[in-house]
Amino acid sequence: MNINIAKLKIEEDGIYCTQQALAELFGVYPQNISQLTTSGIIEAAPPGRNNLLQTVHRYVKHLRSKADKRVTGGSGDFADEKARLTKAQADMAEMEAEEMSGELVRRSEVVQEWQAILMDMKSKLMAMPSKAATLVADEENPAVCQQILDKMVREALQELSGYVGKRNATEGNGGTETASETDNI
């Protein structure tokens, strides 16, 4: 690090320098000094009038603050971070208790269950046209065709409604509420 002394002005009230000299001192590009000035980290000064001591103090403070945030991952205040950690641990313990009691279900389990239900529903619906075609092919009365199709749709829905009953039965509910509700479909 070679800083040309001619770039420094030593006066009674301090040492002053240019942004170029600051860039050389900090080992950054002059554009970085401009950015630091714009963001308020370095105090704006007329050309050649950057107070060297004050600027170095502010820049070091900025770097320390940045380092603290990297280490703690947050505000840098230990008490705040400790409170945040304690709250996160309490929330996690509460969620585990709710999961054990059956009040909370993991998202992956819900997604997996719904995917299975939707795949079965798709299979049932895709099979309907071929089943219905043989039953309604010889039928000339539209009302009878409608009854056949209606019955097939209701059978598929009734079978699919059993999934909720099966899930409730495994959780201790027995599935009686859901099964009786779907009987009326």
N, C-alpha and C. Protein backbone atom coordinates (compact mmCIF):
# COMPACT_ATOMS: atom_id res chain seq x y z
N MET A 1 0.85 -1.17 0.00
CA MET A 1 0.00 0.00 0.00
C MET A 1 0.89 1.24 0.00
N ASN A 2 0.93 1.85 -1.14
CA ASN A 2 1.70 3.08 -1.27
C ASN A 2 0.74 4.23 -1.54
N ILE A 3 0.65 5.12 -0.57
CA ILE A 3 -0.18 6.30 -0.75
C ILE A 3 0.75 7.49 -0.91
N ASN A 4 0.53 8.20 -1.97
CA ASN A 4 1.33 9.38 -2.25
C ASN A 4 0.98 10.45 -1.22
N ILE A 5 1.95 10.88 -0.45
CA ILE A 5 1.78 11.89 0.59
C ILE A 5 1.21 13.18 0.00
N ALA A 6 1.47 13.44 -1.25
CA ALA A 6 0.98 14.66 -1.88
C ALA A 6 -0.54 14.66 -1.95
N LYS A 7 -1.15 13.49 -1.85
CA LYS A 7 -2.61 13.39 -1.89
C LYS A 7 -3.24 13.72 -0.54
N LEU A 8 -2.41 13.88 0.50
CA LEU A 8 -2.90 14.20 1.83
C LEU A 8 -2.62 15.67 2.14
N LYS A 9 -3.57 16.30 2.82
CA LYS A 9 -3.36 17.67 3.31
C LYS A 9 -3.43 17.64 4.81
N ILE A 10 -2.36 18.01 5.42
CA ILE A 10 -2.32 18.04 6.88
C ILE A 10 -2.56 19.47 7.32
N GLU A 11 -3.63 19.64 8.07
CA GLU A 11 -3.99 20.96 8.57
C GLU A 11 -4.11 20.87 10.08
N GLU A 12 -4.32 22.00 10.72
CA GLU A 12 -4.41 22.03 12.18
C GLU A 12 -5.58 21.21 12.71
N ASP A 13 -6.69 21.20 12.00
CA ASP A 13 -7.87 20.51 12.51
C ASP A 13 -8.03 19.08 11.96
N GLY A 14 -7.04 18.56 11.23
CA GLY A 14 -7.10 17.19 10.76
C GLY A 14 -6.34 16.95 9.48
N ILE A 15 -6.42 15.69 9.04
CA ILE A 15 -5.77 15.30 7.79
C ILE A 15 -6.87 15.09 6.76
N TYR A 16 -6.71 15.69 5.59
CA TYR A 16 -7.73 15.62 4.55
C TYR A 16 -7.14 14.96 3.31
N CYS A 17 -8.03 14.30 2.55
CA CYS A 17 -7.56 13.61 1.35
C CYS A 17 -8.67 13.55 0.30
N THR A 18 -8.30 13.05 -0.87
CA THR A 18 -9.25 12.91 -1.96
C THR A 18 -9.93 11.54 -1.88
N GLN A 19 -10.99 11.36 -2.68
CA GLN A 19 -11.64 10.05 -2.74
C GLN A 19 -10.69 9.02 -3.34
N GLN A 20 -9.85 9.45 -4.25
CA GLN A 20 -8.86 8.55 -4.85
C GLN A 20 -7.92 8.01 -3.77
N ALA A 21 -7.46 8.91 -2.87
CA ALA A 21 -6.57 8.47 -1.79
C ALA A 21 -7.29 7.50 -0.85
N LEU A 22 -8.59 7.75 -0.58
CA LEU A 22 -9.36 6.83 0.25
C LEU A 22 -9.48 5.46 -0.42
N ALA A 23 -9.71 5.47 -1.72
CA ALA A 23 -9.83 4.21 -2.46
C ALA A 23 -8.52 3.42 -2.35
N GLU A 24 -7.40 4.10 -2.49
CA GLU A 24 -6.10 3.44 -2.38
C GLU A 24 -5.90 2.90 -0.96
N LEU A 25 -6.28 3.69 0.04
CA LEU A 25 -6.11 3.29 1.44
C LEU A 25 -6.97 2.07 1.77
N PHE A 26 -8.23 2.05 1.31
CA PHE A 26 -9.15 0.95 1.62
C PHE A 26 -8.98 -0.24 0.68
N GLY A 27 -8.22 -0.04 -0.40
CA GLY A 27 -8.02 -1.13 -1.36
C GLY A 27 -9.26 -1.41 -2.18
N VAL A 28 -10.00 -0.36 -2.55
CA VAL A 28 -11.21 -0.49 -3.35
C VAL A 28 -11.13 0.47 -4.54
N TYR A 29 -12.08 0.37 -5.43
CA TYR A 29 -12.16 1.28 -6.56
C TYR A 29 -12.77 2.61 -6.11
N PRO A 30 -12.43 3.69 -6.80
CA PRO A 30 -13.02 4.99 -6.46
C PRO A 30 -14.55 4.98 -6.53
N GLN A 31 -15.13 4.15 -7.42
CA GLN A 31 -16.59 4.05 -7.50
C GLN A 31 -17.18 3.53 -6.19
N ASN A 32 -16.42 2.63 -5.52
CA ASN A 32 -16.88 2.11 -4.24
C ASN A 32 -16.93 3.22 -3.19
N ILE A 33 -15.99 4.12 -3.24
CA ILE A 33 -15.99 5.26 -2.30
C ILE A 33 -17.22 6.12 -2.57
N SER A 34 -17.54 6.32 -3.83
CA SER A 34 -18.75 7.10 -4.18
C SER A 34 -20.00 6.40 -3.66
N GLN A 35 -20.06 5.09 -3.80
CA GLN A 35 -21.21 4.34 -3.30
C GLN A 35 -21.31 4.43 -1.77
N LEU A 36 -20.18 4.35 -1.11
CA LEU A 36 -20.17 4.46 0.36
C LEU A 36 -20.64 5.85 0.79
N THR A 37 -20.29 6.85 0.01
CA THR A 37 -20.72 8.22 0.30
C THR A 37 -22.21 8.36 0.08
N THR A 38 -22.70 7.82 -1.04
CA THR A 38 -24.12 7.88 -1.37
C THR A 38 -24.96 7.18 -0.31
N SER A 39 -24.47 6.04 0.19
CA SER A 39 -25.23 5.29 1.19
C SER A 39 -25.08 5.85 2.60
N GLY A 40 -24.26 6.88 2.76
CA GLY A 40 -24.14 7.54 4.06
C GLY A 40 -23.11 6.93 4.99
N ILE A 41 -22.38 5.96 4.52
CA ILE A 41 -21.36 5.32 5.36
C ILE A 41 -20.17 6.25 5.51
N ILE A 42 -19.80 6.91 4.43
CA ILE A 42 -18.75 7.92 4.46
C ILE A 42 -19.43 9.27 4.27
N GLU A 43 -19.01 10.23 5.07
CA GLU A 43 -19.63 11.55 5.01
C GLU A 43 -19.21 12.27 3.73
N ALA A 44 -20.18 12.86 3.06
CA ALA A 44 -19.89 13.61 1.84
C ALA A 44 -19.08 14.85 2.17
N ALA A 45 -18.11 15.11 1.32
CA ALA A 45 -17.24 16.27 1.55
C ALA A 45 -16.88 16.88 0.20
N PRO A 46 -16.49 18.14 0.21
CA PRO A 46 -16.03 18.76 -1.04
C PRO A 46 -14.79 18.01 -1.55
N PRO A 47 -14.51 18.08 -2.85
CA PRO A 47 -13.34 17.37 -3.39
C PRO A 47 -12.06 17.71 -2.63
N GLY A 48 -11.35 16.66 -2.26
CA GLY A 48 -10.09 16.83 -1.55
C GLY A 48 -10.24 17.16 -0.08
N ARG A 49 -11.47 17.14 0.46
CA ARG A 49 -11.70 17.54 1.86
C ARG A 49 -12.29 16.40 2.70
N ASN A 50 -11.98 15.15 2.36
CA ASN A 50 -12.44 14.03 3.19
C ASN A 50 -11.55 13.95 4.42
N ASN A 51 -12.17 14.06 5.59
CA ASN A 51 -11.42 13.95 6.85
C ASN A 51 -10.98 12.50 6.99
N LEU A 52 -9.68 12.26 6.91
CA LEU A 52 -9.13 10.91 6.86
C LEU A 52 -9.47 10.10 8.12
N LEU A 53 -9.24 10.67 9.29
CA LEU A 53 -9.48 9.96 10.54
C LEU A 53 -10.96 9.62 10.72
N GLN A 54 -11.81 10.60 10.48
CA GLN A 54 -13.26 10.40 10.62
C GLN A 54 -13.75 9.35 9.61
N THR A 55 -13.27 9.42 8.39
CA THR A 55 -13.69 8.49 7.34
C THR A 55 -13.25 7.08 7.66
N VAL A 56 -12.03 6.91 8.13
CA VAL A 56 -11.53 5.57 8.49
C VAL A 56 -12.36 5.01 9.64
N HIS A 57 -12.68 5.81 10.64
CA HIS A 57 -13.50 5.34 11.77
C HIS A 57 -14.88 4.87 11.28
N ARG A 58 -15.50 5.66 10.43
CA ARG A 58 -16.84 5.30 9.93
C ARG A 58 -16.80 4.03 9.08
N TYR A 59 -15.76 3.90 8.26
CA TYR A 59 -15.64 2.72 7.41
C TYR A 59 -15.38 1.46 8.25
N VAL A 60 -14.54 1.57 9.24
CA VAL A 60 -14.27 0.43 10.13
C VAL A 60 -15.54 0.04 10.89
N LYS A 61 -16.29 1.02 11.36
CA LYS A 61 -17.57 0.75 12.04
C LYS A 61 -18.52 0.01 11.11
N HIS A 62 -18.58 0.45 9.86
CA HIS A 62 -19.43 -0.20 8.86
C HIS A 62 -18.99 -1.66 8.66
N LEU A 63 -17.70 -1.90 8.52
CA LEU A 63 -17.20 -3.26 8.31
C LEU A 63 -17.47 -4.15 9.51
N ARG A 64 -17.34 -3.61 10.72
CA ARG A 64 -17.63 -4.39 11.93
C ARG A 64 -19.11 -4.77 11.99
N SER A 65 -19.96 -3.82 11.68
CA SER A 65 -21.40 -4.07 11.68
C SER A 65 -21.75 -5.16 10.67
N LYS A 66 -21.14 -5.07 9.50
CA LYS A 66 -21.36 -6.08 8.46
C LYS A 66 -20.89 -7.46 8.93
N ALA A 67 -19.75 -7.51 9.58
CA ALA A 67 -19.21 -8.77 10.08
C ALA A 67 -20.10 -9.35 11.17
N ASP A 68 -20.61 -8.50 12.06
CA ASP A 68 -21.50 -8.96 13.13
C ASP A 68 -22.76 -9.59 12.55
N LYS A 69 -23.31 -8.97 11.51
CA LYS A 69 -24.52 -9.50 10.88
C LYS A 69 -24.25 -10.84 10.23
N ARG A 70 -23.08 -11.01 9.67
CA ARG A 70 -22.75 -12.30 9.05
C ARG A 70 -22.63 -13.39 10.11
N VAL A 71 -22.01 -13.07 11.23
CA VAL A 71 -21.80 -14.05 12.30
C VAL A 71 -23.13 -14.42 12.94
N THR A 72 -23.95 -13.44 13.27
CA THR A 72 -25.20 -13.73 13.98
C THR A 72 -26.36 -13.96 13.03
N GLY A 73 -26.23 -13.55 11.78
CA GLY A 73 -27.30 -13.72 10.82
C GLY A 73 -28.45 -12.76 11.04
N GLY A 74 -28.25 -11.70 11.73
CA GLY A 74 -29.36 -10.79 11.99
C GLY A 74 -28.90 -9.42 12.38
N SER A 75 -29.51 -8.90 13.41
CA SER A 75 -29.28 -7.52 13.81
C SER A 75 -27.92 -7.30 14.46
N GLY A 76 -27.30 -8.36 14.94
CA GLY A 76 -26.02 -8.21 15.61
C GLY A 76 -26.17 -8.02 17.10
N ASP A 77 -27.36 -7.78 17.59
CA ASP A 77 -27.60 -7.62 19.02
C ASP A 77 -27.82 -8.99 19.63
N PHE A 78 -26.94 -9.40 20.52
CA PHE A 78 -26.98 -10.74 21.09
C PHE A 78 -28.30 -11.02 21.80
N ALA A 79 -28.81 -10.07 22.54
CA ALA A 79 -30.06 -10.27 23.28
C ALA A 79 -31.22 -10.51 22.31
N ASP A 80 -31.26 -9.75 21.21
CA ASP A 80 -32.31 -9.94 20.21
C ASP A 80 -32.21 -11.31 19.57
N GLU A 81 -31.00 -11.71 19.25
CA GLU A 81 -30.80 -13.01 18.61
C GLU A 81 -31.14 -14.15 19.57
N LYS A 82 -30.81 -14.00 20.82
CA LYS A 82 -31.13 -15.03 21.82
C LYS A 82 -32.64 -15.14 21.98
N ALA A 83 -33.34 -14.01 22.02
CA ALA A 83 -34.81 -14.02 22.14
C ALA A 83 -35.43 -14.67 20.91
N ARG A 84 -34.89 -14.37 19.74
CA ARG A 84 -35.40 -14.97 18.50
C ARG A 84 -35.20 -16.49 18.51
N LEU A 85 -34.04 -16.93 18.95
CA LEU A 85 -33.75 -18.37 19.04
C LEU A 85 -34.69 -19.05 20.03
N THR A 86 -34.89 -18.43 21.19
CA THR A 86 -35.77 -19.00 22.21
C THR A 86 -37.20 -19.11 21.68
N LYS A 87 -37.67 -18.09 21.00
CA LYS A 87 -39.02 -18.13 20.43
C LYS A 87 -39.14 -19.22 19.38
N ALA A 88 -38.13 -19.34 18.53
CA ALA A 88 -38.15 -20.38 17.48
C ALA A 88 -38.18 -21.78 18.12
N GLN A 89 -37.41 -21.97 19.18
CA GLN A 89 -37.40 -23.27 19.87
C GLN A 89 -38.76 -23.55 20.51
N ALA A 90 -39.37 -22.54 21.11
CA ALA A 90 -40.70 -22.72 21.72
C ALA A 90 -41.75 -23.02 20.65
N ASP A 91 -41.68 -22.32 19.54
CA ASP A 91 -42.62 -22.58 18.44
C ASP A 91 -42.45 -24.00 17.91
N MET A 92 -41.22 -24.45 17.79
CA MET A 92 -40.95 -25.80 17.30
C MET A 92 -41.50 -26.84 18.27
N ALA A 93 -41.30 -26.64 19.55
CA ALA A 93 -41.81 -27.58 20.55
C ALA A 93 -43.34 -27.62 20.52
N GLU A 94 -43.97 -26.47 20.34
CA GLU A 94 -45.43 -26.40 20.26
C GLU A 94 -45.95 -27.14 19.03
N MET A 95 -45.27 -26.96 17.90
CA MET A 95 -45.69 -27.65 16.68
C MET A 95 -45.52 -29.16 16.82
N GLU A 96 -44.44 -29.60 17.47
CA GLU A 96 -44.23 -31.04 17.67
C GLU A 96 -45.32 -31.62 18.56
N ALA A 97 -45.71 -30.89 19.60
CA ALA A 97 -46.79 -31.35 20.48
C ALA A 97 -48.11 -31.43 19.71
N GLU A 98 -48.40 -30.42 18.88
CA GLU A 98 -49.63 -30.44 18.07
C GLU A 98 -49.61 -31.58 17.08
N GLU A 99 -48.44 -31.88 16.53
CA GLU A 99 -48.33 -32.99 15.58
C GLU A 99 -48.58 -34.32 16.29
N MET A 100 -48.01 -34.48 17.48
CA MET A 100 -48.21 -35.72 18.23
C MET A 100 -49.67 -35.91 18.63
N SER A 101 -50.37 -34.83 18.91
CA SER A 101 -51.77 -34.93 19.32
C SER A 101 -52.71 -35.05 18.12
N GLY A 102 -52.17 -34.93 16.93
CA GLY A 102 -52.99 -35.05 15.73
C GLY A 102 -53.64 -33.76 15.28
N GLU A 103 -53.35 -32.65 15.94
CA GLU A 103 -53.92 -31.36 15.56
C GLU A 103 -53.18 -30.73 14.38
N LEU A 104 -51.95 -31.18 14.14
CA LEU A 104 -51.13 -30.61 13.07
C LEU A 104 -50.61 -31.75 12.22
N VAL A 105 -50.67 -31.57 10.90
CA VAL A 105 -50.21 -32.60 9.97
C VAL A 105 -49.13 -31.97 9.10
N ARG A 106 -48.11 -32.74 8.82
CA ARG A 106 -47.02 -32.24 7.97
C ARG A 106 -47.54 -32.01 6.56
N ARG A 107 -47.05 -30.97 5.96
CA ARG A 107 -47.48 -30.60 4.61
C ARG A 107 -47.22 -31.74 3.63
N SER A 108 -46.08 -32.40 3.75
CA SER A 108 -45.74 -33.48 2.82
C SER A 108 -46.76 -34.62 2.90
N GLU A 109 -47.27 -34.89 4.11
CA GLU A 109 -48.28 -35.94 4.26
C GLU A 109 -49.59 -35.53 3.60
N VAL A 110 -49.97 -34.27 3.75
CA VAL A 110 -51.21 -33.77 3.14
C VAL A 110 -51.09 -33.83 1.62
N VAL A 111 -49.96 -33.39 1.10
CA VAL A 111 -49.74 -33.39 -0.35
C VAL A 111 -49.79 -34.82 -0.87
N GLN A 112 -49.13 -35.72 -0.17
CA GLN A 112 -49.11 -37.13 -0.59
C GLN A 112 -50.52 -37.72 -0.59
N GLU A 113 -51.30 -37.44 0.45
CA GLU A 113 -52.66 -37.96 0.54
C GLU A 113 -53.54 -37.40 -0.58
N TRP A 114 -53.43 -36.10 -0.83
CA TRP A 114 -54.24 -35.50 -1.89
C TRP A 114 -53.82 -36.01 -3.26
N GLN A 115 -52.56 -36.23 -3.46
CA GLN A 115 -52.12 -36.77 -4.75
C GLN A 115 -52.71 -38.15 -4.98
N ALA A 116 -52.74 -38.98 -3.95
CA ALA A 116 -53.33 -40.32 -4.07
C ALA A 116 -54.82 -40.22 -4.38
N ILE A 117 -55.52 -39.34 -3.68
CA ILE A 117 -56.96 -39.17 -3.91
C ILE A 117 -57.22 -38.69 -5.34
N LEU A 118 -56.47 -37.70 -5.77
CA LEU A 118 -56.68 -37.15 -7.11
C LEU A 118 -56.33 -38.17 -8.21
N MET A 119 -55.31 -38.98 -7.97
CA MET A 119 -54.97 -40.00 -8.97
C MET A 119 -56.09 -41.04 -9.07
N ASP A 120 -56.65 -41.44 -7.93
CA ASP A 120 -57.76 -42.40 -7.95
C ASP A 120 -58.99 -41.77 -8.61
N MET A 121 -59.24 -40.50 -8.32
CA MET A 121 -60.37 -39.82 -8.93
C MET A 121 -60.19 -39.77 -10.44
N LYS A 122 -58.98 -39.46 -10.87
CA LYS A 122 -58.70 -39.41 -12.31
C LYS A 122 -58.94 -40.78 -12.93
N SER A 123 -58.49 -41.84 -12.29
CA SER A 123 -58.67 -43.19 -12.82
C SER A 123 -60.15 -43.53 -12.96
N LYS A 124 -60.92 -43.20 -11.92
CA LYS A 124 -62.35 -43.48 -11.95
C LYS A 124 -63.05 -42.70 -13.06
N LEU A 125 -62.72 -41.44 -13.19
CA LEU A 125 -63.35 -40.62 -14.22
C LEU A 125 -62.94 -41.05 -15.62
N MET A 126 -61.68 -41.44 -15.79
CA MET A 126 -61.21 -41.88 -17.10
C MET A 126 -61.83 -43.22 -17.50
N ALA A 127 -62.16 -44.05 -16.53
CA ALA A 127 -62.77 -45.36 -16.82
C ALA A 127 -64.26 -45.23 -17.14
N MET A 128 -64.90 -44.18 -16.70
CA MET A 128 -66.34 -44.01 -16.87
C MET A 128 -66.82 -44.07 -18.32
N PRO A 129 -66.20 -43.38 -19.27
CA PRO A 129 -66.72 -43.42 -20.64
C PRO A 129 -66.77 -44.83 -21.23
N SER A 130 -65.73 -45.63 -21.01
CA SER A 130 -65.75 -46.98 -21.59
C SER A 130 -66.80 -47.86 -20.92
N LYS A 131 -66.98 -47.71 -19.60
CA LYS A 131 -68.03 -48.47 -18.91
C LYS A 131 -69.41 -48.02 -19.36
N ALA A 132 -69.58 -46.71 -19.46
CA ALA A 132 -70.89 -46.16 -19.80
C ALA A 132 -71.25 -46.46 -21.25
N ALA A 133 -70.26 -46.50 -22.11
CA ALA A 133 -70.55 -46.70 -23.53
C ALA A 133 -71.30 -47.99 -23.78
N THR A 134 -70.88 -49.08 -23.13
CA THR A 134 -71.56 -50.37 -23.33
C THR A 134 -72.95 -50.37 -22.74
N LEU A 135 -73.16 -49.63 -21.66
CA LEU A 135 -74.46 -49.62 -21.00
C LEU A 135 -75.48 -48.74 -21.72
N VAL A 136 -75.04 -47.65 -22.30
CA VAL A 136 -75.98 -46.73 -22.94
C VAL A 136 -76.07 -46.89 -24.45
N ALA A 137 -75.21 -47.76 -25.03
CA ALA A 137 -75.18 -47.91 -26.49
C ALA A 137 -76.52 -48.37 -27.06
N ASP A 138 -77.17 -49.30 -26.39
CA ASP A 138 -78.43 -49.85 -26.89
C ASP A 138 -79.63 -49.08 -26.39
N GLU A 139 -79.42 -48.14 -25.51
CA GLU A 139 -80.54 -47.42 -24.89
C GLU A 139 -80.96 -46.26 -25.78
N GLU A 140 -82.27 -46.17 -26.02
CA GLU A 140 -82.80 -45.11 -26.87
C GLU A 140 -83.41 -43.98 -26.06
N ASN A 141 -83.74 -44.25 -24.82
CA ASN A 141 -84.40 -43.25 -23.97
C ASN A 141 -83.32 -42.40 -23.28
N PRO A 142 -83.26 -41.10 -23.55
CA PRO A 142 -82.26 -40.23 -22.92
C PRO A 142 -82.37 -40.22 -21.39
N ALA A 143 -83.56 -40.35 -20.85
CA ALA A 143 -83.73 -40.34 -19.39
C ALA A 143 -83.06 -41.55 -18.77
N VAL A 144 -83.13 -42.69 -19.41
CA VAL A 144 -82.48 -43.90 -18.90
C VAL A 144 -80.96 -43.74 -19.00
N CYS A 145 -80.49 -43.18 -20.11
CA CYS A 145 -79.04 -42.91 -20.25
C CYS A 145 -78.56 -42.00 -19.13
N GLN A 146 -79.34 -40.97 -18.85
CA GLN A 146 -78.99 -40.05 -17.77
C GLN A 146 -78.95 -40.77 -16.43
N GLN A 147 -79.89 -41.66 -16.17
CA GLN A 147 -79.91 -42.42 -14.92
C GLN A 147 -78.68 -43.31 -14.80
N ILE A 148 -78.30 -43.96 -15.87
CA ILE A 148 -77.12 -44.83 -15.86
C ILE A 148 -75.87 -44.01 -15.55
N LEU A 149 -75.72 -42.90 -16.25
CA LEU A 149 -74.55 -42.04 -16.02
C LEU A 149 -74.55 -41.45 -14.62
N ASP A 150 -75.72 -41.03 -14.15
CA ASP A 150 -75.86 -40.49 -12.81
C ASP A 150 -75.44 -41.51 -11.77
N LYS A 151 -75.90 -42.77 -11.96
CA LYS A 151 -75.57 -43.84 -11.01
C LYS A 151 -74.06 -44.09 -11.00
N MET A 152 -73.41 -44.07 -12.17
CA MET A 152 -71.97 -44.30 -12.25
C MET A 152 -71.19 -43.18 -11.55
N VAL A 153 -71.61 -41.95 -11.77
CA VAL A 153 -70.94 -40.82 -11.12
C VAL A 153 -71.09 -40.91 -9.61
N ARG A 154 -72.31 -41.23 -9.14
CA ARG A 154 -72.54 -41.34 -7.70
C ARG A 154 -71.74 -42.48 -7.09
N GLU A 155 -71.62 -43.60 -7.80
CA GLU A 155 -70.81 -44.73 -7.30
C GLU A 155 -69.34 -44.31 -7.16
N ALA A 156 -68.82 -43.60 -8.17
CA ALA A 156 -67.43 -43.14 -8.12
C ALA A 156 -67.23 -42.17 -6.96
N LEU A 157 -68.16 -41.24 -6.80
CA LEU A 157 -68.06 -40.28 -5.69
C LEU A 157 -68.16 -40.98 -4.34
N GLN A 158 -69.05 -41.97 -4.25
CA GLN A 158 -69.21 -42.72 -2.99
C GLN A 158 -67.91 -43.44 -2.65
N GLU A 159 -67.31 -44.06 -3.65
CA GLU A 159 -66.06 -44.78 -3.42
C GLU A 159 -64.94 -43.83 -3.00
N LEU A 160 -64.87 -42.68 -3.67
CA LEU A 160 -63.84 -41.70 -3.34
C LEU A 160 -64.07 -41.09 -1.95
N SER A 161 -65.34 -40.97 -1.54
CA SER A 161 -65.61 -40.40 -0.22
C SER A 161 -65.11 -41.32 0.88
N GLY A 162 -64.92 -42.58 0.57
CA GLY A 162 -64.40 -43.52 1.55
C GLY A 162 -62.99 -43.18 2.01
N TYR A 163 -62.24 -42.41 1.21
CA TYR A 163 -60.89 -42.04 1.61
C TYR A 163 -60.90 -41.25 2.90
N VAL A 164 -61.82 -40.30 3.00
CA VAL A 164 -61.90 -39.47 4.21
C VAL A 164 -62.27 -40.35 5.38
N GLY A 165 -63.20 -41.25 5.18
CA GLY A 165 -63.60 -42.16 6.25
C GLY A 165 -62.46 -43.05 6.68
N LYS A 166 -61.67 -43.56 5.71
CA LYS A 166 -60.52 -44.41 6.05
C LYS A 166 -59.51 -43.62 6.86
N ARG A 167 -59.23 -42.36 6.45
CA ARG A 167 -58.24 -41.54 7.16
C ARG A 167 -58.71 -41.26 8.58
N ASN A 168 -60.00 -40.91 8.74
CA ASN A 168 -60.52 -40.64 10.08
C ASN A 168 -60.48 -41.90 10.93
N ALA A 169 -60.72 -43.06 10.33
CA ALA A 169 -60.70 -44.31 11.09
C ALA A 169 -59.31 -44.59 11.63
N THR A 170 -58.28 -44.26 10.84
CA THR A 170 -56.92 -44.49 11.32
C THR A 170 -56.52 -43.50 12.39
N GLU A 171 -57.21 -42.38 12.47
CA GLU A 171 -56.90 -41.37 13.48
C GLU A 171 -57.78 -41.53 14.72
N GLY A 172 -58.66 -42.53 14.73
CA GLY A 172 -59.45 -42.77 15.92
C GLY A 172 -60.85 -42.21 15.86
N ASN A 173 -61.25 -41.54 14.77
CA ASN A 173 -62.57 -40.94 14.67
C ASN A 173 -63.59 -41.95 14.19
N GLY A 174 -63.12 -42.98 13.47
CA GLY A 174 -64.02 -44.00 12.98
C GLY A 174 -64.62 -43.67 11.64
N GLY A 175 -64.58 -42.43 11.21
CA GLY A 175 -65.06 -42.04 9.90
C GLY A 175 -66.57 -42.03 9.76
N THR A 176 -67.30 -42.14 10.87
CA THR A 176 -68.75 -42.24 10.78
C THR A 176 -69.37 -40.96 10.27
N GLU A 177 -68.86 -39.82 10.69
CA GLU A 177 -69.44 -38.54 10.25
C GLU A 177 -69.31 -38.38 8.75
N THR A 178 -68.11 -38.57 8.25
CA THR A 178 -67.87 -38.32 6.84
C THR A 178 -68.61 -39.32 5.98
N ALA A 179 -68.61 -40.60 6.34
CA ALA A 179 -69.26 -41.62 5.55
C ALA A 179 -70.77 -41.38 5.49
N SER A 180 -71.38 -40.99 6.61
CA SER A 180 -72.81 -40.76 6.61
C SER A 180 -73.18 -39.52 5.82
N GLU A 181 -72.31 -38.51 5.80
CA GLU A 181 -72.57 -37.31 5.02
C GLU A 181 -72.55 -37.60 3.53
N THR A 182 -71.65 -38.47 3.10
CA THR A 182 -71.52 -38.72 1.68
C THR A 182 -72.55 -39.72 1.18
N ASP A 183 -73.24 -40.43 2.06
CA ASP A 183 -74.28 -41.37 1.64
C ASP A 183 -75.39 -40.67 0.91
N ASN A 184 -75.58 -39.39 1.18
CA ASN A 184 -76.68 -38.65 0.58
C ASN A 184 -76.37 -38.09 -0.79
N ILE A 185 -75.22 -38.33 -1.29
CA ILE A 185 -74.81 -37.76 -2.59
C ILE A 185 -75.62 -38.37 -3.70
